[in-house]
Amino acid sequence: AVHYCTGTGPAFYAGTEFARLADQYGFIVVYPERQ
């Protein structure tokens, strides 16, 4: 899950449905972050 240009991994985690969908479908989500 690649965040928007000025975003962060934790913000993208909190602001998207990927974690809920991962719970539902059993996949891992990776949130990379460039400093």
Full PDB file with SEQRES, HELIX, SHEET, SSBOND, CRYST1, ORIGX, SCALE, CONECT and MASTER records, all heavy atoms in Angstrom:
SEQRES   1 A   35  ALA VAL HIS TYR CYS THR GLY THR GLY PRO ALA PHE TYR          
SEQRES   2 A   35  ALA GLY THR GLU PHE ALA ARG LEU ALA ASP GLN TYR GLY          
SEQRES   3 A   35  PHE ILE VAL VAL TYR PRO GLU ARG GLN                          
HELIX    1 AA1 GLY A    9  GLY A   15  1                                   7    
HELIX    2 AA2 PHE A   18  TYR A   25  1                                   8    
CRYST1    1.000    1.000    1.000  90.00  90.00  90.00 P 1           1          
ORIGX1      1.000000  0.000000  0.000000        0.00000                         
ORIGX2      0.000000  1.000000  0.000000        0.00000                         
ORIGX3      0.000000  0.000000  1.000000        0.00000                         
SCALE1      1.000000  0.000000  0.000000        0.00000                         
SCALE2      0.000000  1.000000  0.000000        0.00000                         
SCALE3      0.000000  0.000000  1.000000        0.00000                         
ATOM      1  N   ALA A   1       0.856  -1.186   0.000  1.00  0.00           N  
ATOM      2  CA  ALA A   1       0.000   0.000   0.000  1.00  0.00           C  
ATOM      3  C   ALA A   1       0.893   1.238   0.000  1.00  0.00           C  
ATOM      4  O   ALA A   1       1.422   1.636   1.037  1.00  0.00           O  
ATOM      5  CB  ALA A   1      -0.915  -0.023   1.219  1.00  0.00           C  
ATOM      6  N   VAL A   2       1.073   1.832  -1.165  1.00  0.00           N  
ATOM      7  CA  VAL A   2       1.954   2.984  -1.320  1.00  0.00           C  
ATOM      8  C   VAL A   2       1.159   4.267  -1.059  1.00  0.00           C  
ATOM      9  O   VAL A   2       0.188   4.546  -1.746  1.00  0.00           O  
ATOM     10  CB  VAL A   2       2.571   3.008  -2.739  1.00  0.00           C  
ATOM     11  CG1 VAL A   2       3.510   4.201  -2.903  1.00  0.00           C  
ATOM     12  CG2 VAL A   2       3.311   1.705  -3.012  1.00  0.00           C  
ATOM     13  N   HIS A   3       1.605   5.031  -0.079  1.00  0.00           N  
ATOM     14  CA  HIS A   3       0.891   6.248   0.316  1.00  0.00           C  
ATOM     15  C   HIS A   3       1.141   7.388  -0.665  1.00  0.00           C  
ATOM     16  O   HIS A   3       2.015   7.334  -1.512  1.00  0.00           O  
ATOM     17  CB  HIS A   3       1.284   6.667   1.732  1.00  0.00           C  
ATOM     18  CG  HIS A   3       2.747   6.975   1.898  1.00  0.00           C  
ATOM     19  ND1 HIS A   3       3.309   8.146   1.477  1.00  0.00           N  
ATOM     20  CD2 HIS A   3       3.751   6.237   2.426  1.00  0.00           C  
ATOM     21  CE1 HIS A   3       4.589   8.142   1.749  1.00  0.00           C  
ATOM     22  NE2 HIS A   3       4.885   6.988   2.328  1.00  0.00           N  
ATOM     23  N   TYR A   4       0.350   8.433  -0.520  1.00  0.00           N  
ATOM     24  CA  TYR A   4       0.467   9.643  -1.319  1.00  0.00           C  
ATOM     25  C   TYR A   4       1.787  10.352  -1.010  1.00  0.00           C  
ATOM     26  O   TYR A   4       2.466  10.047  -0.037  1.00  0.00           O  
ATOM     27  CB  TYR A   4      -0.731  10.566  -1.078  1.00  0.00           C  
ATOM     28  CG  TYR A   4      -1.049  10.747   0.395  1.00  0.00           C  
ATOM     29  CD1 TYR A   4      -0.510  11.803   1.103  1.00  0.00           C  
ATOM     30  CD2 TYR A   4      -1.849   9.817   1.065  1.00  0.00           C  
ATOM     31  CE1 TYR A   4      -0.771  11.948   2.454  1.00  0.00           C  
ATOM     32  CE2 TYR A   4      -2.119   9.965   2.408  1.00  0.00           C  
ATOM     33  CZ  TYR A   4      -1.578  11.021   3.092  1.00  0.00           C  
ATOM     34  OH  TYR A   4      -1.834  11.170   4.427  1.00  0.00           O  
ATOM     35  N   CYS A   5       2.158  11.300  -1.835  1.00  0.00           N  
ATOM     36  CA  CYS A   5       3.487  11.918  -1.832  1.00  0.00           C  
ATOM     37  C   CYS A   5       3.965  12.385  -0.457  1.00  0.00           C  
ATOM     38  O   CYS A   5       5.078  12.105  -0.067  1.00  0.00           O  
ATOM     39  CB  CYS A   5       3.509  13.077  -2.817  1.00  0.00           C  
ATOM     40  SG  CYS A   5       5.134  13.783  -3.095  1.00  0.00           S  
ATOM     41  N   THR A   6       3.167  13.104   0.278  1.00  0.00           N  
ATOM     42  CA  THR A   6       3.621  13.630   1.570  1.00  0.00           C  
ATOM     43  C   THR A   6       3.090  12.817   2.745  1.00  0.00           C  
ATOM     44  O   THR A   6       3.189  13.247   3.889  1.00  0.00           O  
ATOM     45  CB  THR A   6       3.189  15.100   1.737  1.00  0.00           C  
ATOM     46  OG1 THR A   6       1.765  15.170   1.640  1.00  0.00           O  
ATOM     47  CG2 THR A   6       3.820  15.990   0.688  1.00  0.00           C  
ATOM     48  N   GLY A   7       2.541  11.662   2.483  1.00  0.00           N  
ATOM     49  CA  GLY A   7       1.944  10.841   3.528  1.00  0.00           C  
ATOM     50  C   GLY A   7       2.956   9.986   4.272  1.00  0.00           C  
ATOM     51  O   GLY A   7       4.154  10.025   4.020  1.00  0.00           O  
ATOM     52  N   THR A   8       2.431   9.192   5.192  1.00  0.00           N  
ATOM     53  CA  THR A   8       3.242   8.251   5.954  1.00  0.00           C  
ATOM     54  C   THR A   8       2.565   6.887   5.932  1.00  0.00           C  
ATOM     55  O   THR A   8       1.363   6.780   5.659  1.00  0.00           O  
ATOM     56  CB  THR A   8       3.392   8.696   7.422  1.00  0.00           C  
ATOM     57  OG1 THR A   8       2.107   8.632   8.054  1.00  0.00           O  
ATOM     58  CG2 THR A   8       3.980  10.087   7.545  1.00  0.00           C  
ATOM     59  N   GLY A   9       3.333   5.863   6.236  1.00  0.00           N  
ATOM     60  CA  GLY A   9       2.760   4.530   6.318  1.00  0.00           C  
ATOM     61  C   GLY A   9       1.646   4.436   7.352  1.00  0.00           C  
ATOM     62  O   GLY A   9       0.542   3.962   7.051  1.00  0.00           O  
ATOM     63  N   PRO A  10       1.884   4.897   8.596  1.00  0.00           N  
ATOM     64  CA  PRO A  10       0.829   4.833   9.608  1.00  0.00           C  
ATOM     65  C   PRO A  10      -0.411   5.637   9.244  1.00  0.00           C  
ATOM     66  O   PRO A  10      -1.531   5.215   9.525  1.00  0.00           O  
ATOM     67  CB  PRO A  10       1.510   5.397  10.866  1.00  0.00           C  
ATOM     68  CG  PRO A  10       2.952   5.071  10.671  1.00  0.00           C  
ATOM     69  CD  PRO A  10       3.180   5.258   9.190  1.00  0.00           C  
ATOM     70  N   ALA A  11      -0.241   6.790   8.604  1.00  0.00           N  
ATOM     71  CA  ALA A  11      -1.407   7.590   8.208  1.00  0.00           C  
ATOM     72  C   ALA A  11      -2.208   6.866   7.131  1.00  0.00           C  
ATOM     73  O   ALA A  11      -3.449   6.884   7.149  1.00  0.00           O  
ATOM     74  CB  ALA A  11      -0.966   8.967   7.705  1.00  0.00           C  
ATOM     75  N   PHE A  12      -1.506   6.211   6.200  1.00  0.00           N  
ATOM     76  CA  PHE A  12      -2.200   5.480   5.148  1.00  0.00           C  
ATOM     77  C   PHE A  12      -2.924   4.267   5.740  1.00  0.00           C  
ATOM     78  O   PHE A  12      -4.034   3.935   5.336  1.00  0.00           O  
ATOM     79  CB  PHE A  12      -1.203   5.053   4.071  1.00  0.00           C  
ATOM     80  CG  PHE A  12      -1.826   4.837   2.719  1.00  0.00           C  
ATOM     81  CD1 PHE A  12      -2.580   5.812   2.104  1.00  0.00           C  
ATOM     82  CD2 PHE A  12      -1.645   3.644   2.044  1.00  0.00           C  
ATOM     83  CE1 PHE A  12      -3.154   5.621   0.856  1.00  0.00           C  
ATOM     84  CE2 PHE A  12      -2.210   3.434   0.799  1.00  0.00           C  
ATOM     85  CZ  PHE A  12      -2.965   4.419   0.207  1.00  0.00           C  
ATOM     86  N   TYR A  13      -2.310   3.624   6.728  1.00  0.00           N  
ATOM     87  CA  TYR A  13      -2.940   2.507   7.448  1.00  0.00           C  
ATOM     88  C   TYR A  13      -4.240   2.986   8.107  1.00  0.00           C  
ATOM     89  O   TYR A  13      -5.288   2.345   7.975  1.00  0.00           O  
ATOM     90  CB  TYR A  13      -1.960   1.973   8.498  1.00  0.00           C  
ATOM     91  CG  TYR A  13      -2.575   1.124   9.575  1.00  0.00           C  
ATOM     92  CD1 TYR A  13      -2.894  -0.212   9.345  1.00  0.00           C  
ATOM     93  CD2 TYR A  13      -2.801   1.649  10.843  1.00  0.00           C  
ATOM     94  CE1 TYR A  13      -3.447  -0.997  10.347  1.00  0.00           C  
ATOM     95  CE2 TYR A  13      -3.353   0.869  11.850  1.00  0.00           C  
ATOM     96  CZ  TYR A  13      -3.673  -0.453  11.591  1.00  0.00           C  
ATOM     97  OH  TYR A  13      -4.214  -1.222  12.588  1.00  0.00           O  
ATOM     98  N   ALA A  14      -4.173   4.121   8.793  1.00  0.00           N  
ATOM     99  CA  ALA A  14      -5.333   4.628   9.521  1.00  0.00           C  
ATOM    100  C   ALA A  14      -6.420   5.171   8.592  1.00  0.00           C  
ATOM    101  O   ALA A  14      -7.599   5.123   8.937  1.00  0.00           O  
ATOM    102  CB  ALA A  14      -4.892   5.736  10.486  1.00  0.00           C  
ATOM    103  N   GLY A  15      -6.033   5.647   7.410  1.00  0.00           N  
ATOM    104  CA  GLY A  15      -6.985   6.301   6.532  1.00  0.00           C  
ATOM    105  C   GLY A  15      -7.530   5.457   5.392  1.00  0.00           C  
ATOM    106  O   GLY A  15      -8.248   5.969   4.546  1.00  0.00           O  
ATOM    107  N   THR A  16      -7.199   4.173   5.358  1.00  0.00           N  
ATOM    108  CA  THR A  16      -7.691   3.305   4.288  1.00  0.00           C  
ATOM    109  C   THR A  16      -8.351   2.064   4.875  1.00  0.00           C  
ATOM    110  O   THR A  16      -8.266   1.808   6.076  1.00  0.00           O  
ATOM    111  CB  THR A  16      -6.544   2.861   3.344  1.00  0.00           C  
ATOM    112  OG1 THR A  16      -5.610   2.074   4.086  1.00  0.00           O  
ATOM    113  CG2 THR A  16      -5.845   4.060   2.719  1.00  0.00           C  
ATOM    114  N   GLU A  17      -8.964   1.286   4.027  1.00  0.00           N  
ATOM    115  CA  GLU A  17      -9.660   0.068   4.437  1.00  0.00           C  
ATOM    116  C   GLU A  17      -8.798  -1.190   4.299  1.00  0.00           C  
ATOM    117  O   GLU A  17      -9.284  -2.302   4.466  1.00  0.00           O  
ATOM    118  CB  GLU A  17     -10.924  -0.115   3.584  1.00  0.00           C  
ATOM    119  CG  GLU A  17     -11.950   0.980   3.788  1.00  0.00           C  
ATOM    120  CD  GLU A  17     -12.603   0.900   5.163  1.00  0.00           C  
ATOM    121  OE1 GLU A  17     -12.940  -0.216   5.604  1.00  0.00           O  
ATOM    122  OE2 GLU A  17     -12.773   1.955   5.784  1.00  0.00           O  
ATOM    123  N   PHE A  18      -7.501  -1.028   3.970  1.00  0.00           N  
ATOM    124  CA  PHE A  18      -6.672  -2.198   3.700  1.00  0.00           C  
ATOM    125  C   PHE A  18      -6.583  -3.156   4.892  1.00  0.00           C  
ATOM    126  O   PHE A  18      -6.621  -4.369   4.723  1.00  0.00           O  
ATOM    127  CB  PHE A  18      -5.276  -1.788   3.249  1.00  0.00           C  
ATOM    128  CG  PHE A  18      -5.251  -1.129   1.896  1.00  0.00           C  
ATOM    129  CD1 PHE A  18      -4.672   0.116   1.726  1.00  0.00           C  
ATOM    130  CD2 PHE A  18      -5.810  -1.750   0.789  1.00  0.00           C  
ATOM    131  CE1 PHE A  18      -4.649   0.728   0.481  1.00  0.00           C  
ATOM    132  CE2 PHE A  18      -5.796  -1.145  -0.457  1.00  0.00           C  
ATOM    133  CZ  PHE A  18      -5.213   0.089  -0.612  1.00  0.00           C  
ATOM    134  N   ALA A  19      -6.450  -2.636   6.108  1.00  0.00           N  
ATOM    135  CA  ALA A  19      -6.352  -3.511   7.283  1.00  0.00           C  
ATOM    136  C   ALA A  19      -7.648  -4.301   7.484  1.00  0.00           C  
ATOM    137  O   ALA A  19      -7.614  -5.505   7.769  1.00  0.00           O  
ATOM    138  CB  ALA A  19      -6.013  -2.703   8.527  1.00  0.00           C  
ATOM    139  N   ARG A  20      -8.781  -3.641   7.326  1.00  0.00           N  
ATOM    140  CA  ARG A  20     -10.066  -4.343   7.469  1.00  0.00           C  
ATOM    141  C   ARG A  20     -10.202  -5.425   6.405  1.00  0.00           C  
ATOM    142  O   ARG A  20     -10.632  -6.550   6.688  1.00  0.00           O  
ATOM    143  CB  ARG A  20     -11.231  -3.358   7.369  1.00  0.00           C  
ATOM    144  CG  ARG A  20     -12.594  -4.027   7.587  1.00  0.00           C  
ATOM    145  CD  ARG A  20     -13.750  -3.090   7.292  1.00  0.00           C  
ATOM    146  NE  ARG A  20     -13.808  -2.642   5.908  1.00  0.00           N  
ATOM    147  CZ  ARG A  20     -14.243  -3.404   4.899  1.00  0.00           C  
ATOM    148  NH1 ARG A  20     -14.623  -4.653   5.105  1.00  0.00           N  
ATOM    149  NH2 ARG A  20     -14.285  -2.921   3.667  1.00  0.00           N  
ATOM    150  N   LEU A  21      -9.816  -5.101   5.178  1.00  0.00           N  
ATOM    151  CA  LEU A  21      -9.885  -6.091   4.106  1.00  0.00           C  
ATOM    152  C   LEU A  21      -8.896  -7.230   4.339  1.00  0.00           C  
ATOM    153  O   LEU A  21      -9.192  -8.390   4.030  1.00  0.00           O  
ATOM    154  CB  LEU A  21      -9.627  -5.418   2.754  1.00  0.00           C  
ATOM    155  CG  LEU A  21     -10.714  -4.443   2.300  1.00  0.00           C  
ATOM    156  CD1 LEU A  21     -10.251  -3.631   1.104  1.00  0.00           C  
ATOM    157  CD2 LEU A  21     -12.013  -5.190   1.987  1.00  0.00           C  
ATOM    158  N   ALA A  22      -7.739  -6.915   4.895  1.00  0.00           N  
ATOM    159  CA  ALA A  22      -6.768  -7.959   5.227  1.00  0.00           C  
ATOM    160  C   ALA A  22      -7.342  -8.901   6.281  1.00  0.00           C  
ATOM    161  O   ALA A  22      -7.160 -10.121   6.203  1.00  0.00           O  
ATOM    162  CB  ALA A  22      -5.462  -7.332   5.723  1.00  0.00           C  
ATOM    163  N   ASP A  23      -8.037  -8.339   7.267  1.00  0.00           N  
ATOM    164  CA  ASP A  23      -8.701  -9.178   8.269  1.00  0.00           C  
ATOM    165  C   ASP A  23      -9.731 -10.091   7.604  1.00  0.00           C  
ATOM    166  O   ASP A  23      -9.850 -11.264   7.944  1.00  0.00           O  
ATOM    167  CB  ASP A  23      -9.406  -8.317   9.327  1.00  0.00           C  
ATOM    168  CG  ASP A  23      -8.445  -7.663  10.290  1.00  0.00           C  
ATOM    169  OD1 ASP A  23      -7.342  -8.197  10.510  1.00  0.00           O  
ATOM    170  OD2 ASP A  23      -8.802  -6.589  10.826  1.00  0.00           O  
ATOM    171  N   GLN A  24     -10.461  -9.538   6.666  1.00  0.00           N  
ATOM    172  CA  GLN A  24     -11.526 -10.292   6.003  1.00  0.00           C  
ATOM    173  C   GLN A  24     -10.977 -11.375   5.075  1.00  0.00           C  
ATOM    174  O   GLN A  24     -11.485 -12.486   5.047  1.00  0.00           O  
ATOM    175  CB  GLN A  24     -12.410  -9.329   5.216  1.00  0.00           C  
ATOM    176  CG  GLN A  24     -13.595  -9.986   4.541  1.00  0.00           C  
ATOM    177  CD  GLN A  24     -14.486  -8.962   3.825  1.00  0.00           C  
ATOM    178  OE1 GLN A  24     -14.323  -7.761   3.971  1.00  0.00           O  
ATOM    179  NE2 GLN A  24     -15.423  -9.459   3.049  1.00  0.00           N  
ATOM    180  N   TYR A  25      -9.922 -11.042   4.304  1.00  0.00           N  
ATOM    181  CA  TYR A  25      -9.447 -11.957   3.268  1.00  0.00           C  
ATOM    182  C   TYR A  25      -8.113 -12.645   3.593  1.00  0.00           C  
ATOM    183  O   TYR A  25      -7.666 -13.511   2.839  1.00  0.00           O  
ATOM    184  CB  TYR A  25      -9.326 -11.217   1.932  1.00  0.00           C  
ATOM    185  CG  TYR A  25     -10.663 -10.757   1.424  1.00  0.00           C  
ATOM    186  CD1 TYR A  25     -11.028  -9.412   1.474  1.00  0.00           C  
ATOM    187  CD2 TYR A  25     -11.591 -11.661   0.913  1.00  0.00           C  
ATOM    188  CE1 TYR A  25     -12.261  -8.989   1.011  1.00  0.00           C  
ATOM    189  CE2 TYR A  25     -12.831 -11.245   0.461  1.00  0.00           C  
ATOM    190  CZ  TYR A  25     -13.161  -9.907   0.506  1.00  0.00           C  
ATOM    191  OH  TYR A  25     -14.390  -9.488   0.061  1.00  0.00           O  
ATOM    192  N   GLY A  26      -7.456 -12.268   4.688  1.00  0.00           N  
ATOM    193  CA  GLY A  26      -6.264 -12.977   5.135  1.00  0.00           C  
ATOM    194  C   GLY A  26      -4.973 -12.661   4.401  1.00  0.00           C  
ATOM    195  O   GLY A  26      -4.095 -13.508   4.299  1.00  0.00           O  
ATOM    196  N   PHE A  27      -4.810 -11.440   3.899  1.00  0.00           N  
ATOM    197  CA  PHE A  27      -3.547 -11.086   3.250  1.00  0.00           C  
ATOM    198  C   PHE A  27      -2.753 -10.119   4.126  1.00  0.00           C  
ATOM    199  O   PHE A  27      -3.288  -9.500   5.044  1.00  0.00           O  
ATOM    200  CB  PHE A  27      -3.772 -10.489   1.854  1.00  0.00           C  
ATOM    201  CG  PHE A  27      -4.639  -9.255   1.815  1.00  0.00           C  
ATOM    202  CD1 PHE A  27      -4.100  -7.991   2.032  1.00  0.00           C  
ATOM    203  CD2 PHE A  27      -5.991  -9.352   1.532  1.00  0.00           C  
ATOM    204  CE1 PHE A  27      -4.890  -6.852   1.982  1.00  0.00           C  
ATOM    205  CE2 PHE A  27      -6.794  -8.218   1.474  1.00  0.00           C  
ATOM    206  CZ  PHE A  27      -6.247  -6.964   1.704  1.00  0.00           C  
ATOM    207  N   ILE A  28      -1.454 -10.016   3.865  1.00  0.00           N  
ATOM    208  CA  ILE A  28      -0.566  -9.104   4.588  1.00  0.00           C  
ATOM    209  C   ILE A  28      -0.525  -7.779   3.841  1.00  0.00           C  
ATOM    210  O   ILE A  28      -0.504  -7.754   2.612  1.00  0.00           O  
ATOM    211  CB  ILE A  28       0.855  -9.693   4.682  1.00  0.00           C  
ATOM    212  CG1 ILE A  28       0.855 -10.933   5.562  1.00  0.00           C  
ATOM    213  CG2 ILE A  28       1.851  -8.656   5.206  1.00  0.00           C  
ATOM    214  CD1 ILE A  28       2.177 -11.660   5.593  1.00  0.00           C  
ATOM    215  N   VAL A  29      -0.476  -6.674   4.585  1.00  0.00           N  
ATOM    216  CA  VAL A  29      -0.345  -5.360   3.972  1.00  0.00           C  
ATOM    217  C   VAL A  29       1.007  -4.774   4.393  1.00  0.00           C  
ATOM    218  O   VAL A  29       1.341  -4.774   5.577  1.00  0.00           O  
ATOM    219  CB  VAL A  29      -1.467  -4.385   4.394  1.00  0.00           C  
ATOM    220  CG1 VAL A  29      -1.363  -3.077   3.620  1.00  0.00           C  
ATOM    221  CG2 VAL A  29      -2.837  -5.014   4.195  1.00  0.00           C  
ATOM    222  N   VAL A  30       1.781  -4.318   3.415  1.00  0.00           N  
ATOM    223  CA  VAL A  30       3.052  -3.652   3.662  1.00  0.00           C  
ATOM    224  C   VAL A  30       2.864  -2.169   3.352  1.00  0.00           C  
ATOM    225  O   VAL A  30       2.359  -1.815   2.284  1.00  0.00           O  
ATOM    226  CB  VAL A  30       4.173  -4.228   2.768  1.00  0.00           C  
ATOM    227  CG1 VAL A  30       5.481  -3.475   2.988  1.00  0.00           C  
ATOM    228  CG2 VAL A  30       4.351  -5.708   3.018  1.00  0.00           C  
ATOM    229  N   TYR A  31       3.246  -1.327   4.302  1.00  0.00           N  
ATOM    230  CA  TYR A  31       3.142   0.122   4.146  1.00  0.00           C  
ATOM    231  C   TYR A  31       4.563   0.695   4.123  1.00  0.00           C  
ATOM    232  O   TYR A  31       5.137   0.977   5.169  1.00  0.00           O  
ATOM    233  CB  TYR A  31       2.368   0.746   5.314  1.00  0.00           C  
ATOM    234  CG  TYR A  31       0.941   0.276   5.434  1.00  0.00           C  
ATOM    235  CD1 TYR A  31       0.611  -0.839   6.194  1.00  0.00           C  
ATOM    236  CD2 TYR A  31      -0.092   0.961   4.803  1.00  0.00           C  
ATOM    237  CE1 TYR A  31      -0.709  -1.261   6.312  1.00  0.00           C  
ATOM    238  CE2 TYR A  31      -1.411   0.552   4.923  1.00  0.00           C  
ATOM    239  CZ  TYR A  31      -1.704  -0.564   5.681  1.00  0.00           C  
ATOM    240  OH  TYR A  31      -3.003  -0.979   5.802  1.00  0.00           O  
ATOM    241  N   PRO A  32       5.162   0.853   2.936  1.00  0.00           N  
ATOM    242  CA  PRO A  32       6.501   1.448   2.872  1.00  0.00           C  
ATOM    243  C   PRO A  32       6.412   2.955   3.086  1.00  0.00           C  
ATOM    244  O   PRO A  32       5.370   3.566   2.848  1.00  0.00           O  
ATOM    245  CB  PRO A  32       6.967   1.126   1.450  1.00  0.00           C  
ATOM    246  CG  PRO A  32       5.711   1.008   0.670  1.00  0.00           C  
ATOM    247  CD  PRO A  32       4.670   0.483   1.616  1.00  0.00           C  
ATOM    248  N   GLU A  33       7.511   3.528   3.539  1.00  0.00           N  
ATOM    249  CA  GLU A  33       7.524   4.970   3.778  1.00  0.00           C  
ATOM    250  C   GLU A  33       8.908   5.529   3.479  1.00  0.00           C  
ATOM    251  O   GLU A  33       9.910   5.019   3.959  1.00  0.00           O  
ATOM    252  CB  GLU A  33       7.171   5.257   5.234  1.00  0.00           C  
ATOM    253  CG  GLU A  33       7.174   6.717   5.601  1.00  0.00           C  
ATOM    254  CD  GLU A  33       6.810   6.930   7.060  1.00  0.00           C  
ATOM    255  OE1 GLU A  33       5.805   6.357   7.520  1.00  0.00           O  
ATOM    256  OE2 GLU A  33       7.543   7.659   7.732  1.00  0.00           O  
ATOM    257  N   ARG A  34       8.952   6.559   2.661  1.00  0.00           N  
ATOM    258  CA  ARG A  34      10.200   7.272   2.388  1.00  0.00           C  
ATOM    259  C   ARG A  34      10.244   8.462   3.338  1.00  0.00           C  
ATOM    260  O   ARG A  34       9.250   9.152   3.523  1.00  0.00           O  
ATOM    261  CB  ARG A  34      10.238   7.737   0.938  1.00  0.00           C  
ATOM    262  CG  ARG A  34      11.527   8.469   0.589  1.00  0.00           C  
ATOM    263  CD  ARG A  34      11.654   8.773  -0.868  1.00  0.00           C  
ATOM    264  NE  ARG A  34      11.795   7.613  -1.698  1.00  0.00           N  
ATOM    265  CZ  ARG A  34      12.949   7.015  -1.986  1.00  0.00           C  
ATOM    266  NH1 ARG A  34      14.065   7.465  -1.470  1.00  0.00           N  
ATOM    267  NH2 ARG A  34      12.986   5.966  -2.778  1.00  0.00           N  
ATOM    268  N   GLN A  35      11.399   8.693   3.930  1.00  0.00           N  
ATOM    269  CA  GLN A  35      11.555   9.806   4.858  1.00  0.00           C  
ATOM    270  C   GLN A  35      11.297  11.133   4.144  1.00  0.00           C  
ATOM    271  O   GLN A  35      11.674  11.312   2.997  1.00  0.00           O  
ATOM    272  CB  GLN A  35      12.966   9.809   5.448  1.00  0.00           C  
ATOM    273  CG  GLN A  35      13.302   8.557   6.232  1.00  0.00           C  
ATOM    274  CD  GLN A  35      12.528   8.456   7.520  1.00  0.00           C  
ATOM    275  OE1 GLN A  35      12.133   9.457   8.101  1.00  0.00           O  
ATOM    276  NE2 GLN A  35      12.301   7.248   7.978  1.00  0.00           N  
TER     277      GLN A  35                                                      
MASTER        0    0    0    2    0    0    0    6  276    1    0    3          
END                                                                             
